[in-house]
């Protein structure tokens, strides 16, 4: 697909059962590592603890998301002094809303 071609649809391709399983996985793997988030114009940046466990959990989550959210770009950043792991998800219009509403809000609710 060329950069000037049509943008992919912002939609998750998981079934309801798969979404439920993903929700449980997010809770099990990421909630205890969650630090906070920032909205970006084209997505969200979600911060997690800078531990090895956190990095592995974020990488696993990202690998799973690649299969159902082909419209999004995922970047994992770990920068000195390595106190946080940051997952940035960007994409076409609607990406920020989708990941904020379906991912960040779940983290916020469970971490509270």
PDB file of N, CA and C in Angstrom:
ATOM      1  N   UNK A   1       0.840  -1.173   0.000  1.00  0.00           N
ATOM      2  CA  UNK A   1       0.000   0.000   0.000  1.00  0.00           C
ATOM      3  C   UNK A   1       0.885   1.236   0.000  1.00  0.00           C
ATOM      4  N   UNK A   2       0.606   2.177  -0.867  1.00  0.00           N
ATOM      5  CA  UNK A   2       1.396   3.400  -0.939  1.00  0.00           C
ATOM      6  C   UNK A   2       0.973   4.362   0.156  1.00  0.00           C
ATOM      7  N   UNK A   3       1.862   5.283   0.464  1.00  0.00           N
ATOM      8  CA  UNK A   3       1.552   6.276   1.492  1.00  0.00           C
ATOM      9  C   UNK A   3       0.395   7.165   1.069  1.00  0.00           C
ATOM     10  N   UNK A   4       0.162   7.290  -0.227  1.00  0.00           N
ATOM     11  CA  UNK A   4      -0.911   8.140  -0.715  1.00  0.00           C
ATOM     12  C   UNK A   4      -2.207   7.369  -0.922  1.00  0.00           C
ATOM     13  N   UNK A   5      -2.196   6.070  -0.679  1.00  0.00           N
ATOM     14  CA  UNK A   5      -3.378   5.243  -0.858  1.00  0.00           C
ATOM     15  C   UNK A   5      -4.362   5.445   0.283  1.00  0.00           C
ATOM     16  N   UNK A   6      -5.486   4.759   0.205  1.00  0.00           N
ATOM     17  CA  UNK A   6      -6.484   4.900   1.269  1.00  0.00           C
ATOM     18  C   UNK A   6      -5.959   4.354   2.595  1.00  0.00           C
ATOM     19  N   UNK A   7      -6.360   5.011   3.672  1.00  0.00           N
ATOM     20  CA  UNK A   7      -5.944   4.571   4.998  1.00  0.00           C
ATOM     21  C   UNK A   7      -6.772   3.360   5.399  1.00  0.00           C
ATOM     22  N   UNK A   8      -6.160   2.417   6.107  1.00  0.00           N
ATOM     23  CA  UNK A   8      -6.917   1.246   6.553  1.00  0.00           C
ATOM     24  C   UNK A   8      -7.983   1.654   7.571  1.00  0.00           C
ATOM     25  N   UNK A   9      -9.020   0.857   7.670  1.00  0.00           N
ATOM     26  CA  UNK A   9     -10.094   1.120   8.620  1.00  0.00           C
ATOM     27  C   UNK A   9      -9.588   0.914  10.045  1.00  0.00           C
ATOM     28  N   UNK A  10      -9.960   1.832  10.929  1.00  0.00           N
ATOM     29  CA  UNK A  10      -9.598   1.720  12.337  1.00  0.00           C
ATOM     30  C   UNK A  10     -10.642   0.823  12.994  1.00  0.00           C
ATOM     31  N   UNK A  11     -10.309  -0.445  13.097  1.00  0.00           N
ATOM     32  CA  UNK A  11     -11.233  -1.417  13.686  1.00  0.00           C
ATOM     33  C   UNK A  11     -10.450  -2.614  14.192  1.00  0.00           C
ATOM     34  N   UNK A  12     -10.895  -3.139  15.305  1.00  0.00           N
ATOM     35  CA  UNK A  12     -10.313  -4.352  15.862  1.00  0.00           C
ATOM     36  C   UNK A  12     -11.013  -5.543  15.228  1.00  0.00           C
ATOM     37  N   UNK A  13     -10.256  -6.541  14.832  1.00  0.00           N
ATOM     38  CA  UNK A  13     -10.838  -7.700  14.158  1.00  0.00           C
ATOM     39  C   UNK A  13     -11.069  -8.882  15.097  1.00  0.00           C
ATOM     40  N   UNK A  14     -10.946  -8.673  16.411  1.00  0.00           N
ATOM     41  CA  UNK A  14     -11.184  -9.751  17.366  1.00  0.00           C
ATOM     42  C   UNK A  14     -12.677 -10.047  17.505  1.00  0.00           C
ATOM     43  N   UNK A  15     -12.994 -11.303  17.769  1.00  0.00           N
ATOM     44  CA  UNK A  15     -14.362 -11.674  18.112  1.00  0.00           C
ATOM     45  C   UNK A  15     -14.617 -11.253  19.558  1.00  0.00           C
ATOM     46  N   UNK A  16     -15.865 -11.305  19.999  1.00  0.00           N
ATOM     47  CA  UNK A  16     -16.183 -10.959  21.386  1.00  0.00           C
ATOM     48  C   UNK A  16     -15.446 -11.868  22.370  1.00  0.00           C
ATOM     49  N   UNK A  17     -15.369 -13.150  22.054  1.00  0.00           N
ATOM     50  CA  UNK A  17     -14.661 -14.094  22.926  1.00  0.00           C
ATOM     51  C   UNK A  17     -13.173 -13.741  23.004  1.00  0.00           C
ATOM     52  N   UNK A  18     -12.585 -13.424  21.856  1.00  0.00           N
ATOM     53  CA  UNK A  18     -11.167 -13.047  21.834  1.00  0.00           C
ATOM     54  C   UNK A  18     -10.939 -11.747  22.599  1.00  0.00           C
ATOM     55  N   UNK A  19     -11.871 -10.795  22.482  1.00  0.00           N
ATOM     56  CA  UNK A  19     -11.750  -9.534  23.221  1.00  0.00           C
ATOM     57  C   UNK A  19     -11.778  -9.782  24.724  1.00  0.00           C
ATOM     58  N   UNK A  20     -12.647 -10.687  25.148  1.00  0.00           N
ATOM     59  CA  UNK A  20     -12.730 -11.023  26.566  1.00  0.00           C
ATOM     60  C   UNK A  20     -11.418 -11.633  27.052  1.00  0.00           C
ATOM     61  N   UNK A  21     -10.866 -12.544  26.259  1.00  0.00           N
ATOM     62  CA  UNK A  21      -9.587 -13.159  26.610  1.00  0.00           C
ATOM     63  C   UNK A  21      -8.479 -12.116  26.651  1.00  0.00           C
ATOM     64  N   UNK A  22      -8.489 -11.194  25.691  1.00  0.00           N
ATOM     65  CA  UNK A  22      -7.477 -10.133  25.649  1.00  0.00           C
ATOM     66  C   UNK A  22      -7.597  -9.241  26.870  1.00  0.00           C
ATOM     67  N   UNK A  23      -8.830  -8.934  27.252  1.00  0.00           N
ATOM     68  CA  UNK A  23      -9.058  -8.107  28.430  1.00  0.00           C
ATOM     69  C   UNK A  23      -8.458  -8.754  29.669  1.00  0.00           C
ATOM     70  N   UNK A  24      -8.654 -10.059  29.810  1.00  0.00           N
ATOM     71  CA  UNK A  24      -8.083 -10.784  30.943  1.00  0.00           C
ATOM     72  C   UNK A  24      -6.559 -10.772  30.887  1.00  0.00           C
ATOM     73  N   UNK A  25      -6.012 -10.909  29.695  1.00  0.00           N
ATOM     74  CA  UNK A  25      -4.553 -10.895  29.536  1.00  0.00           C
ATOM     75  C   UNK A  25      -3.986  -9.526  29.896  1.00  0.00           C
ATOM     76  N   UNK A  26      -4.666  -8.466  29.462  1.00  0.00           N
ATOM     77  CA  UNK A  26      -4.218  -7.111  29.790  1.00  0.00           C
ATOM     78  C   UNK A  26      -4.209  -6.936  31.301  1.00  0.00           C
ATOM     79  N   UNK A  27      -5.272  -7.358  31.935  1.00  0.00           N
ATOM     80  CA  UNK A  27      -5.348  -7.216  33.384  1.00  0.00           C
ATOM     81  C   UNK A  27      -4.236  -8.006  34.063  1.00  0.00           C
ATOM     82  N   UNK A  28      -4.044  -9.228  33.643  1.00  0.00           N
ATOM     83  CA  UNK A  28      -3.058 -10.108  34.275  1.00  0.00           C
ATOM     84  C   UNK A  28      -1.626  -9.622  34.046  1.00  0.00           C
ATOM     85  N   UNK A  29      -1.333  -9.153  32.837  1.00  0.00           N
ATOM     86  CA  UNK A  29       0.044  -8.829  32.474  1.00  0.00           C
ATOM     87  C   UNK A  29       0.437  -7.371  32.686  1.00  0.00           C
ATOM     88  N   UNK A  30      -0.489  -6.445  32.487  1.00  0.00           N
ATOM     89  CA  UNK A  30      -0.096  -5.048  32.393  1.00  0.00           C
ATOM     90  C   UNK A  30      -0.581  -4.129  33.508  1.00  0.00           C
ATOM     91  N   UNK A  31      -1.696  -4.428  34.131  1.00  0.00           N
ATOM     92  CA  UNK A  31      -2.259  -3.493  35.108  1.00  0.00           C
ATOM     93  C   UNK A  31      -1.274  -3.182  36.227  1.00  0.00           C
ATOM     94  N   UNK A  32      -0.623  -4.182  36.763  1.00  0.00           N
ATOM     95  CA  UNK A  32       0.296  -3.943  37.883  1.00  0.00           C
ATOM     96  C   UNK A  32       1.538  -3.163  37.461  1.00  0.00           C
ATOM     97  N   UNK A  33       1.803  -3.092  36.167  1.00  0.00           N
ATOM     98  CA  UNK A  33       2.971  -2.379  35.641  1.00  0.00           C
ATOM     99  C   UNK A  33       2.630  -0.952  35.187  1.00  0.00           C
ATOM    100  N   UNK A  34       1.336  -0.635  35.106  1.00  0.00           N
ATOM    101  CA  UNK A  34       0.854   0.622  34.523  1.00  0.00           C
ATOM    102  C   UNK A  34       1.248   1.827  35.370  1.00  0.00           C
ATOM    103  N   UNK A  35       1.734   2.887  34.701  1.00  0.00           N
ATOM    104  CA  UNK A  35       2.132   4.125  35.367  1.00  0.00           C
ATOM    105  C   UNK A  35       1.225   5.281  34.961  1.00  0.00           C
ATOM    106  N   UNK A  36       0.901   5.417  33.679  1.00  0.00           N
ATOM    107  CA  UNK A  36       0.079   6.523  33.197  1.00  0.00           C
ATOM    108  C   UNK A  36       0.101   6.589  31.684  1.00  0.00           C
ATOM    109  N   UNK A  37      -0.527   7.628  31.137  1.00  0.00           N
ATOM    110  CA  UNK A  37      -0.553   7.770  29.679  1.00  0.00           C
ATOM    111  C   UNK A  37      -0.663   9.235  29.277  1.00  0.00           C
ATOM    112  N   UNK A  38      -0.343   9.499  28.029  1.00  0.00           N
ATOM    113  CA  UNK A  38      -0.528  10.806  27.417  1.00  0.00           C
ATOM    114  C   UNK A  38      -1.209  10.598  26.074  1.00  0.00           C
ATOM    115  N   UNK A  39      -2.140  11.478  25.766  1.00  0.00           N
ATOM    116  CA  UNK A  39      -2.743  11.443  24.441  1.00  0.00           C
ATOM    117  C   UNK A  39      -1.845  12.199  23.482  1.00  0.00           C
ATOM    118  N   UNK A  40      -1.785  11.700  22.270  1.00  0.00           N
ATOM    119  CA  UNK A  40      -1.061  12.344  21.179  1.00  0.00           C
ATOM    120  C   UNK A  40      -2.089  12.692  20.113  1.00  0.00           C
ATOM    121  N   UNK A  41      -1.713  13.524  19.184  1.00  0.00           N
ATOM    122  CA  UNK A  41      -2.641  13.879  18.110  1.00  0.00           C
ATOM    123  C   UNK A  41      -3.084  12.639  17.338  1.00  0.00           C
ATOM    124  N   UNK A  42      -2.162  11.700  17.149  1.00  0.00           N
ATOM    125  CA  UNK A  42      -2.445  10.533  16.315  1.00  0.00           C
ATOM    126  C   UNK A  42      -2.495   9.222  17.089  1.00  0.00           C
ATOM    127  N   UNK A  43      -2.594   9.296  18.434  1.00  0.00           N
ATOM    128  CA  UNK A  43      -2.629   8.055  19.206  1.00  0.00           C
ATOM    129  C   UNK A  43      -2.431   8.293  20.688  1.00  0.00           C
ATOM    130  N   UNK A  44      -1.816   7.323  21.347  1.00  0.00           N
ATOM    131  CA  UNK A  44      -1.548   7.412  22.784  1.00  0.00           C
ATOM    132  C   UNK A  44      -0.156   6.877  23.090  1.00  0.00           C
ATOM    133  N   UNK A  45       0.431   7.391  24.164  1.00  0.00           N
ATOM    134  CA  UNK A  45       1.670   6.843  24.720  1.00  0.00           C
ATOM    135  C   UNK A  45       1.337   6.368  26.124  1.00  0.00           C
ATOM    136  N   UNK A  46       1.556   5.088  26.369  1.00  0.00           N
ATOM    137  CA  UNK A  46       1.198   4.475  27.643  1.00  0.00           C
ATOM    138  C   UNK A  46       2.479   4.076  28.362  1.00  0.00           C
ATOM    139  N   UNK A  47       2.607   4.529  29.623  1.00  0.00           N
ATOM    140  CA  UNK A  47       3.823   4.302  30.391  1.00  0.00           C
ATOM    141  C   UNK A  47       3.644   3.152  31.378  1.00  0.00           C
ATOM    142  N   UNK A  48       4.676   2.317  31.449  1.00  0.00           N
ATOM    143  CA  UNK A  48       4.717   1.192  32.372  1.00  0.00           C
ATOM    144  C   UNK A  48       6.034   1.247  33.136  1.00  0.00           C
ATOM    145  N   UNK A  49       6.108   0.510  34.247  1.00  0.00           N
ATOM    146  CA  UNK A  49       7.360   0.416  34.997  1.00  0.00           C
ATOM    147  C   UNK A  49       8.493  -0.011  34.066  1.00  0.00           C
ATOM    148  N   UNK A  50       9.701   0.365  34.416  1.00  0.00           N
ATOM    149  CA  UNK A  50      10.864   0.038  33.598  1.00  0.00           C
ATOM    150  C   UNK A  50      11.525  -1.271  33.978  1.00  0.00           C
ATOM    151  N   UNK A  51      10.745  -2.267  34.314  1.00  0.00           N
ATOM    152  CA  UNK A  51      11.304  -3.562  34.703  1.00  0.00           C
ATOM    153  C   UNK A  51      11.384  -4.508  33.507  1.00  0.00           C
ATOM    154  N   UNK A  52      12.190  -5.543  33.645  1.00  0.00           N
ATOM    155  CA  UNK A  52      12.256  -6.574  32.602  1.00  0.00           C
ATOM    156  C   UNK A  52      10.891  -7.218  32.400  1.00  0.00           C
ATOM    157  N   UNK A  53      10.186  -7.470  33.499  1.00  0.00           N
ATOM    158  CA  UNK A  53       8.850  -8.076  33.430  1.00  0.00           C
ATOM    159  C   UNK A  53       7.891  -7.188  32.637  1.00  0.00           C
ATOM    160  N   UNK A  54       7.954  -5.906  32.880  1.00  0.00           N
ATOM    161  CA  UNK A  54       7.100  -4.958  32.176  1.00  0.00           C
ATOM    162  C   UNK A  54       7.412  -4.937  30.683  1.00  0.00           C
ATOM    163  N   UNK A  55       8.681  -4.904  30.352  1.00  0.00           N
ATOM    164  CA  UNK A  55       9.084  -4.892  28.945  1.00  0.00           C
ATOM    165  C   UNK A  55       8.587  -6.148  28.231  1.00  0.00           C
ATOM    166  N   UNK A  56       8.727  -7.293  28.861  1.00  0.00           N
ATOM    167  CA  UNK A  56       8.235  -8.542  28.258  1.00  0.00           C
ATOM    168  C   UNK A  56       6.715  -8.512  28.085  1.00  0.00           C
ATOM    169  N   UNK A  57       5.999  -8.004  29.078  1.00  0.00           N
ATOM    170  CA  UNK A  57       4.537  -7.950  29.004  1.00  0.00           C
ATOM    171  C   UNK A  57       4.078  -7.006  27.899  1.00  0.00           C
ATOM    172  N   UNK A  58       4.721  -5.852  27.781  1.00  0.00           N
ATOM    173  CA  UNK A  58       4.365  -4.895  26.726  1.00  0.00           C
ATOM    174  C   UNK A  58       4.672  -5.491  25.356  1.00  0.00           C
ATOM    175  N   UNK A  59       5.799  -6.165  25.225  1.00  0.00           N
ATOM    176  CA  UNK A  59       6.151  -6.798  23.945  1.00  0.00           C
ATOM    177  C   UNK A  59       5.147  -7.889  23.580  1.00  0.00           C
ATOM    178  N   UNK A  60       4.741  -8.675  24.552  1.00  0.00           N
ATOM    179  CA  UNK A  60       3.751  -9.733  24.285  1.00  0.00           C
ATOM    180  C   UNK A  60       2.413  -9.129  23.860  1.00  0.00           C
ATOM    181  N   UNK A  61       1.967  -8.104  24.583  1.00  0.00           N
ATOM    182  CA  UNK A  61       0.726  -7.418  24.229  1.00  0.00           C
ATOM    183  C   UNK A  61       0.808  -6.871  22.809  1.00  0.00           C
ATOM    184  N   UNK A  62       1.927  -6.229  22.485  1.00  0.00           N
ATOM    185  CA  UNK A  62       2.108  -5.645  21.159  1.00  0.00           C
ATOM    186  C   UNK A  62       2.074  -6.716  20.080  1.00  0.00           C
ATOM    187  N   UNK A  63       2.736  -7.825  20.294  1.00  0.00           N
ATOM    188  CA  UNK A  63       2.723  -8.921  19.316  1.00  0.00           C
ATOM    189  C   UNK A  63       1.302  -9.409  19.070  1.00  0.00           C
ATOM    190  N   UNK A  64       0.497  -9.493  20.121  1.00  0.00           N
ATOM    191  CA  UNK A  64      -0.900  -9.901  19.957  1.00  0.00           C
ATOM    192  C   UNK A  64      -1.697  -8.859  19.190  1.00  0.00           C
ATOM    193  N   UNK A  65      -1.463  -7.585  19.486  1.00  0.00           N
ATOM    194  CA  UNK A  65      -2.203  -6.510  18.828  1.00  0.00           C
ATOM    195  C   UNK A  65      -1.903  -6.417  17.335  1.00  0.00           C
ATOM    196  N   UNK A  66      -0.704  -6.789  16.939  1.00  0.00           N
ATOM    197  CA  UNK A  66      -0.342  -6.731  15.517  1.00  0.00           C
ATOM    198  C   UNK A  66      -1.280  -7.573  14.667  1.00  0.00           C
ATOM    199  N   UNK A  67      -1.834  -8.623  15.249  1.00  0.00           N
ATOM    200  CA  UNK A  67      -2.710  -9.530  14.503  1.00  0.00           C
ATOM    201  C   UNK A  67      -4.127  -8.990  14.338  1.00  0.00           C
ATOM    202  N   UNK A  68      -4.555  -8.080  15.208  1.00  0.00           N
ATOM    203  CA  UNK A  68      -5.951  -7.645  15.141  1.00  0.00           C
ATOM    204  C   UNK A  68      -6.115  -6.157  14.840  1.00  0.00           C
ATOM    205  N   UNK A  69      -5.053  -5.403  14.883  1.00  0.00           N
ATOM    206  CA  UNK A  69      -5.131  -3.954  14.652  1.00  0.00           C
ATOM    207  C   UNK A  69      -4.095  -3.559  13.602  1.00  0.00           C
ATOM    208  N   UNK A  70      -4.320  -4.024  12.386  1.00  0.00           N
ATOM    209  CA  UNK A  70      -3.331  -3.826  11.317  1.00  0.00           C
ATOM    210  C   UNK A  70      -3.208  -2.375  10.862  1.00  0.00           C
ATOM    211  N   UNK A  71      -4.065  -1.506  11.325  1.00  0.00           N
ATOM    212  CA  UNK A  71      -4.020  -0.096  10.969  1.00  0.00           C
ATOM    213  C   UNK A  71      -3.016   0.678  11.814  1.00  0.00           C
ATOM    214  N   UNK A  72      -2.608   0.129  12.959  1.00  0.00           N
ATOM    215  CA  UNK A  72      -1.833   0.880  13.946  1.00  0.00           C
ATOM    216  C   UNK A  72      -0.339   0.615  13.831  1.00  0.00           C
ATOM    217  N   UNK A  73       0.426   1.618  14.251  1.00  0.00           N
ATOM    218  CA  UNK A  73       1.874   1.479  14.374  1.00  0.00           C
ATOM    219  C   UNK A  73       2.202   1.439  15.859  1.00  0.00           C
ATOM    220  N   UNK A  74       3.015   0.477  16.258  1.00  0.00           N
ATOM    221  CA  UNK A  74       3.368   0.270  17.659  1.00  0.00           C
ATOM    222  C   UNK A  74       4.861   0.508  17.838  1.00  0.00           C
ATOM    223  N   UNK A  75       5.207   1.308  18.840  1.00  0.00           N
ATOM    224  CA  UNK A  75       6.608   1.556  19.175  1.00  0.00           C
ATOM    225  C   UNK A  75       6.800   1.361  20.669  1.00  0.00           C
ATOM    226  N   UNK A  76       7.783   0.555  21.022  1.00  0.00           N
ATOM    227  CA  UNK A  76       8.143   0.358  22.424  1.00  0.00           C
ATOM    228  C   UNK A  76       9.463   1.088  22.648  1.00  0.00           C
ATOM    229  N   UNK A  77       9.475   1.972  23.643  1.00  0.00           N
ATOM    230  CA  UNK A  77      10.663   2.771  23.927  1.00  0.00           C
ATOM    231  C   UNK A  77      11.123   2.530  25.360  1.00  0.00           C
ATOM    232  N   UNK A  78      12.394   2.247  25.487  1.00  0.00           N
ATOM    233  CA  UNK A  78      13.033   2.131  26.795  1.00  0.00           C
ATOM    234  C   UNK A  78      14.296   2.981  26.701  1.00  0.00           C
ATOM    235  N   UNK A  79      14.293   4.110  27.413  1.00  0.00           N
ATOM    236  CA  UNK A  79      15.406   5.055  27.328  1.00  0.00           C
ATOM    237  C   UNK A  79      16.030   5.261  28.702  1.00  0.00           C
ATOM    238  N   UNK A  80      17.331   5.608  28.724  1.00  0.00           N
ATOM    239  CA  UNK A  80      17.968   5.880  30.008  1.00  0.00           C
ATOM    240  C   UNK A  80      17.169   6.931  30.780  1.00  0.00           C
ATOM    241  N   UNK A  81      17.023   6.791  32.054  1.00  0.00           N
ATOM    242  CA  UNK A  81      17.651   5.850  32.976  1.00  0.00           C
ATOM    243  C   UNK A  81      16.862   4.541  33.149  1.00  0.00           C
ATOM    244  N   UNK A  82      16.064   4.168  32.172  1.00  0.00           N
ATOM    245  CA  UNK A  82      15.361   2.879  32.141  1.00  0.00           C
ATOM    246  C   UNK A  82      14.364   2.702  33.271  1.00  0.00           C
ATOM    247  N   UNK A  83      13.723   3.787  33.658  1.00  0.00           N
ATOM    248  CA  UNK A  83      12.724   3.724  34.724  1.00  0.00           C
ATOM    249  C   UNK A  83      11.328   3.442  34.200  1.00  0.00           C
ATOM    250  N   UNK A  84      11.132   3.599  32.883  1.00  0.00           N
ATOM    251  CA  UNK A  84       9.823   3.358  32.281  1.00  0.00           C
ATOM    252  C   UNK A  84       9.964   2.662  30.940  1.00  0.00           C
ATOM    253  N   UNK A  85       8.944   1.879  30.626  1.00  0.00           N
ATOM    254  CA  UNK A  85       8.766   1.305  29.297  1.00  0.00           C
ATOM    255  C   UNK A  85       7.562   2.026  28.712  1.00  0.00           C
ATOM    256  N   UNK A  86       7.704   2.596  27.519  1.00  0.00           N
ATOM    257  CA  UNK A  86       6.617   3.358  26.919  1.00  0.00           C
ATOM    258  C   UNK A  86       6.153   2.670  25.647  1.00  0.00           C
ATOM    259  N   UNK A  87       4.857   2.397  25.580  1.00  0.00           N
ATOM    260  CA  UNK A  87       4.233   1.858  24.376  1.00  0.00           C
ATOM    261  C   UNK A  87       3.477   2.996  23.715  1.00  0.00           C
ATOM    262  N   UNK A  88       3.886   3.349  22.500  1.00  0.00           N
ATOM    263  CA  UNK A  88       3.203   4.385  21.742  1.00  0.00           C
ATOM    264  C   UNK A  88       2.473   3.722  20.589  1.00  0.00           C
ATOM    265  N   UNK A  89       1.176   4.007  20.505  1.00  0.00           N
ATOM    266  CA  UNK A  89       0.335   3.467  19.442  1.00  0.00           C
ATOM    267  C   UNK A  89      -0.187   4.646  18.639  1.00  0.00           C
ATOM    268  N   UNK A  90       0.112   4.657  17.341  1.00  0.00           N
ATOM    269  CA  UNK A  90      -0.338   5.732  16.469  1.00  0.00           C
ATOM    270  C   UNK A  90      -0.992   5.144  15.231  1.00  0.00           C
ATOM    271  N   UNK A  91      -1.708   5.999  14.518  1.00  0.00           N
ATOM    272  CA  UNK A  91      -2.354   5.545  13.299  1.00  0.00           C
ATOM    273  C   UNK A  91      -3.297   6.605  12.764  1.00  0.00           C
ATOM    274  N   UNK A  92      -4.162   6.202  11.844  1.00  0.00           N
ATOM    275  CA  UNK A  92      -5.093   7.147  11.234  1.00  0.00           C
ATOM    276  C   UNK A  92      -6.113   7.669  12.250  1.00  0.00           C
ATOM    277  N   UNK A  93      -6.894   8.627  11.818  1.00  0.00           N
ATOM    278  CA  UNK A  93      -7.921   9.207  12.675  1.00  0.00           C
ATOM    279  C   UNK A  93      -8.778   8.105  13.296  1.00  0.00           C
ATOM    280  N   UNK A  94      -8.987   8.204  14.582  1.00  0.00           N
ATOM    281  CA  UNK A  94      -9.755   7.199  15.305  1.00  0.00           C
ATOM    282  C   UNK A  94      -8.890   6.286  16.155  1.00  0.00           C
ATOM    283  N   UNK A  95      -7.592   6.254  15.873  1.00  0.00           N
ATOM    284  CA  UNK A  95      -6.681   5.384  16.627  1.00  0.00           C
ATOM    285  C   UNK A  95      -6.603   5.815  18.087  1.00  0.00           C
ATOM    286  N   UNK A  96      -6.439   7.108  18.314  1.00  0.00           N
ATOM    287  CA  UNK A  96      -6.333   7.609  19.689  1.00  0.00           C
ATOM    288  C   UNK A  96      -7.585   7.244  20.482  1.00  0.00           C
ATOM    289  N   UNK A  97      -8.744   7.505  19.917  1.00  0.00           N
ATOM    290  CA  UNK A  97      -9.998   7.226  20.610  1.00  0.00           C
ATOM    291  C   UNK A  97     -10.137   5.737  20.917  1.00  0.00           C
ATOM    292  N   UNK A  98      -9.838   4.897  19.934  1.00  0.00           N
ATOM    293  CA  UNK A  98     -10.001   3.459  20.128  1.00  0.00           C
ATOM    294  C   UNK A  98      -9.096   2.935  21.241  1.00  0.00           C
ATOM    295  N   UNK A  99      -7.814   3.282  21.212  1.00  0.00           N
ATOM    296  CA  UNK A  99      -6.893   2.762  22.222  1.00  0.00           C
ATOM    297  C   UNK A  99      -7.104   3.418  23.580  1.00  0.00           C
ATOM    298  N   UNK A 100      -7.529   4.661  23.586  1.00  0.00           N
ATOM    299  CA  UNK A 100      -7.847   5.307  24.868  1.00  0.00           C
ATOM    300  C   UNK A 100      -9.067   4.630  25.495  1.00  0.00           C
ATOM    301  N   UNK A 101     -10.121   4.441  24.692  1.00  0.00           N
ATOM    302  CA  UNK A 101     -11.373   3.898  25.220  1.00  0.00           C
ATOM    303  C   UNK A 101     -11.297   2.408  25.546  1.00  0.00           C
ATOM    304  N   UNK A 102     -10.578   1.640  24.766  1.00  0.00           N
ATOM    305  CA  UNK A 102     -10.591   0.187  24.930  1.00  0.00           C
ATOM    306  C   UNK A 102      -9.362  -0.378  25.646  1.00  0.00           C
ATOM    307  N   UNK A 103      -8.303   0.388  25.744  1.00  0.00           N
ATOM    308  CA  UNK A 103      -7.084  -0.107  26.381  1.00  0.00           C
ATOM    309  C   UNK A 103      -6.742   0.723  27.618  1.00  0.00           C
ATOM    310  N   UNK A 104      -6.541   2.020  27.431  1.00  0.00           N
ATOM    311  CA  UNK A 104      -6.124   2.876  28.543  1.00  0.00           C
ATOM    312  C   UNK A 104      -7.194   2.921  29.632  1.00  0.00           C
ATOM    313  N   UNK A 105      -8.457   3.061  29.251  1.00  0.00           N
ATOM    314  CA  UNK A 105      -9.501   3.128  30.272  1.00  0.00           C
ATOM    315  C   UNK A 105      -9.559   1.845  31.091  1.00  0.00           C
ATOM    316  N   UNK A 106      -9.323   0.707  30.464  1.00  0.00           N
ATOM    317  CA  UNK A 106      -9.286  -0.567  31.201  1.00  0.00           C
ATOM    318  C   UNK A 106      -8.134  -0.553  32.208  1.00  0.00           C
ATOM    319  N   UNK A 107      -6.972  -0.081  31.776  1.00  0.00           N
ATOM    320  CA  UNK A 107      -5.830   0.016  32.690  1.00  0.00           C
ATOM    321  C   UNK A 107      -6.132   0.967  33.845  1.00  0.00           C
ATOM    322  N   UNK A 108      -6.706   2.128  33.523  1.00  0.00           N
ATOM    323  CA  UNK A 108      -7.037   3.122  34.545  1.00  0.00           C
ATOM    324  C   UNK A 108      -8.033   2.551  35.552  1.00  0.00           C
ATOM    325  N   UNK A 109      -9.076   1.894  35.062  1.00  0.00           N
ATOM    326  CA  UNK A 109     -10.108   1.339  35.945  1.00  0.00           C
ATOM    327  C   UNK A 109      -9.539   0.268  36.861  1.00  0.00           C
ATOM    328  N   UNK A 110      -8.744  -0.620  36.298  1.00  0.00           N
ATOM    329  CA  UNK A 110      -8.209  -1.738  37.077  1.00  0.00           C
ATOM    330  C   UNK A 110      -7.111  -1.293  38.045  1.00  0.00           C
ATOM    331  N   UNK A 111      -6.365  -0.262  37.670  1.00  0.00           N
ATOM    332  CA  UNK A 111      -5.269   0.203  38.520  1.00  0.00           C
ATOM    333  C   UNK A 111      -5.774   1.033  39.700  1.00  0.00           C
ATOM    334  N   UNK A 112      -6.987   1.549  39.578  1.00  0.00           N
ATOM    335  CA  UNK A 112      -7.540   2.426  40.634  1.00  0.00           C
ATOM    336  C   UNK A 112      -7.873   1.677  41.904  1.00  0.00           C
TER     337      UNK A 112
END
